[in-house]
Amino acid sequence: MDEHWNVFLEVSKAQAEWQRAYLMFDEALGQDQIDYAIYILEAAERKYQIHLKHAKSLGLNRSLL
């Protein structure tokens, strides 16, 4: 159960990081900031997907936690 909790926390952290990256993109000004924000957003989204995939492989879902 401890591993499940750790995975849940990692998913939550990755989701929060993805949301912050989206806000960064939304507030970006100028081409350089926009390009950087896109890079950060894509990386955060991929990280979130990886953690979700790991949670799914353990059979986790919201109702179990």
C-alpha atoms as a PDB file:
ATOM      1  CA  MET A   1       0.000   0.000   0.000  1.00  0.00           C
ATOM      2  CA  ASP A   2       2.950   2.311   0.674  1.00  0.00           C
ATOM      3  CA  GLU A   3       4.048   2.050  -2.966  1.00  0.00           C
ATOM      4  CA  HIS A   4       0.520   2.909  -4.081  1.00  0.00           C
ATOM      5  CA  TRP A   5       0.542   6.025  -1.936  1.00  0.00           C
ATOM      6  CA  ASN A   6       3.938   7.090  -3.317  1.00  0.00           C
ATOM      7  CA  VAL A   7       2.718   6.598  -6.878  1.00  0.00           C
ATOM      8  CA  PHE A   8      -0.410   8.599  -6.098  1.00  0.00           C
ATOM      9  CA  LEU A   9       1.744  11.436  -4.735  1.00  0.00           C
ATOM     10  CA  GLU A  10       3.971  11.366  -7.818  1.00  0.00           C
ATOM     11  CA  VAL A  11       0.913  11.565 -10.081  1.00  0.00           C
ATOM     12  CA  SER A  12      -0.401  14.508  -8.048  1.00  0.00           C
ATOM     13  CA  LYS A  13       2.935  16.321  -8.213  1.00  0.00           C
ATOM     14  CA  ALA A  14       3.235  15.738 -11.955  1.00  0.00           C
ATOM     15  CA  GLN A  15      -0.301  17.018 -12.490  1.00  0.00           C
ATOM     16  CA  ALA A  16       0.456  20.193 -10.508  1.00  0.00           C
ATOM     17  CA  GLU A  17       3.670  20.682 -12.512  1.00  0.00           C
ATOM     18  CA  TRP A  18       1.715  20.289 -15.752  1.00  0.00           C
ATOM     19  CA  GLN A  19      -0.831  22.868 -14.594  1.00  0.00           C
ATOM     20  CA  ARG A  20       1.955  25.331 -13.676  1.00  0.00           C
ATOM     21  CA  ALA A  21       3.545  24.785 -17.087  1.00  0.00           C
ATOM     22  CA  TYR A  22       0.226  25.537 -18.759  1.00  0.00           C
ATOM     23  CA  LEU A  23      -0.042  28.794 -16.809  1.00  0.00           C
ATOM     24  CA  MET A  24       3.517  29.669 -17.833  1.00  0.00           C
ATOM     25  CA  PHE A  25       2.567  29.087 -21.462  1.00  0.00           C
ATOM     26  CA  ASP A  26      -0.605  31.146 -21.051  1.00  0.00           C
ATOM     27  CA  GLU A  27       1.398  34.084 -19.683  1.00  0.00           C
ATOM     28  CA  ALA A  28       4.381  33.852 -22.048  1.00  0.00           C
ATOM     29  CA  LEU A  29       5.310  36.982 -23.977  1.00  0.00           C
ATOM     30  CA  GLY A  30       7.532  37.037 -27.014  1.00  0.00           C
ATOM     31  CA  GLN A  31       8.688  34.180 -29.192  1.00  0.00           C
ATOM     32  CA  ASP A  32      11.520  33.054 -26.899  1.00  0.00           C
ATOM     33  CA  GLN A  33       9.263  32.787 -23.848  1.00  0.00           C
ATOM     34  CA  ILE A  34       6.589  31.013 -25.885  1.00  0.00           C
ATOM     35  CA  ASP A  35       9.114  28.497 -27.260  1.00  0.00           C
ATOM     36  CA  TYR A  36      10.481  27.831 -23.781  1.00  0.00           C
ATOM     37  CA  ALA A  37       6.979  27.509 -22.304  1.00  0.00           C
ATOM     38  CA  ILE A  38       6.036  24.986 -25.004  1.00  0.00           C
ATOM     39  CA  TYR A  39       9.148  22.955 -24.208  1.00  0.00           C
ATOM     40  CA  ILE A  40       8.353  22.958 -20.468  1.00  0.00           C
ATOM     41  CA  LEU A  41       4.680  22.185 -21.102  1.00  0.00           C
ATOM     42  CA  GLU A  42       5.449  19.216 -23.346  1.00  0.00           C
ATOM     43  CA  ALA A  43       7.956  17.832 -20.836  1.00  0.00           C
ATOM     44  CA  ALA A  44       5.525  18.228 -17.934  1.00  0.00           C
ATOM     45  CA  GLU A  45       2.737  16.597 -19.907  1.00  0.00           C
ATOM     46  CA  ARG A  46       4.950  13.641 -20.787  1.00  0.00           C
ATOM     47  CA  LYS A  47       6.051  13.257 -17.162  1.00  0.00           C
ATOM     48  CA  TYR A  48       2.389  13.225 -16.078  1.00  0.00           C
ATOM     49  CA  GLN A  49       1.582  10.580 -18.690  1.00  0.00           C
ATOM     50  CA  ILE A  50       4.461   8.402 -17.482  1.00  0.00           C
ATOM     51  CA  HIS A  51       3.266   8.574 -13.875  1.00  0.00           C
ATOM     52  CA  LEU A  52      -0.318   7.836 -14.908  1.00  0.00           C
ATOM     53  CA  LYS A  53       0.843   4.822 -16.889  1.00  0.00           C
ATOM     54  CA  HIS A  54       2.750   3.543 -13.858  1.00  0.00           C
ATOM     55  CA  ALA A  55      -0.303   4.019 -11.633  1.00  0.00           C
ATOM     56  CA  LYS A  56      -2.466   2.181 -14.137  1.00  0.00           C
ATOM     57  CA  SER A  57       0.010  -0.708 -14.281  1.00  0.00           C
ATOM     58  CA  LEU A  58      -0.412  -1.058 -10.509  1.00  0.00           C
ATOM     59  CA  GLY A  59      -4.180  -1.095 -10.890  1.00  0.00           C
ATOM     60  CA  LEU A  60      -4.638   2.260  -9.183  1.00  0.00           C
ATOM     61  CA  ASN A  61      -7.530   4.580  -9.814  1.00  0.00           C
ATOM     62  CA  ARG A  62      -9.185   7.381  -7.842  1.00  0.00           C
ATOM     63  CA  SER A  63     -11.662   5.073  -6.156  1.00  0.00           C
ATOM     64  CA  LEU A  64      -8.866   2.950  -4.668  1.00  0.00           C
ATOM     65  CA  LEU A  65      -7.148   5.888  -2.997  1.00  0.00           C
END
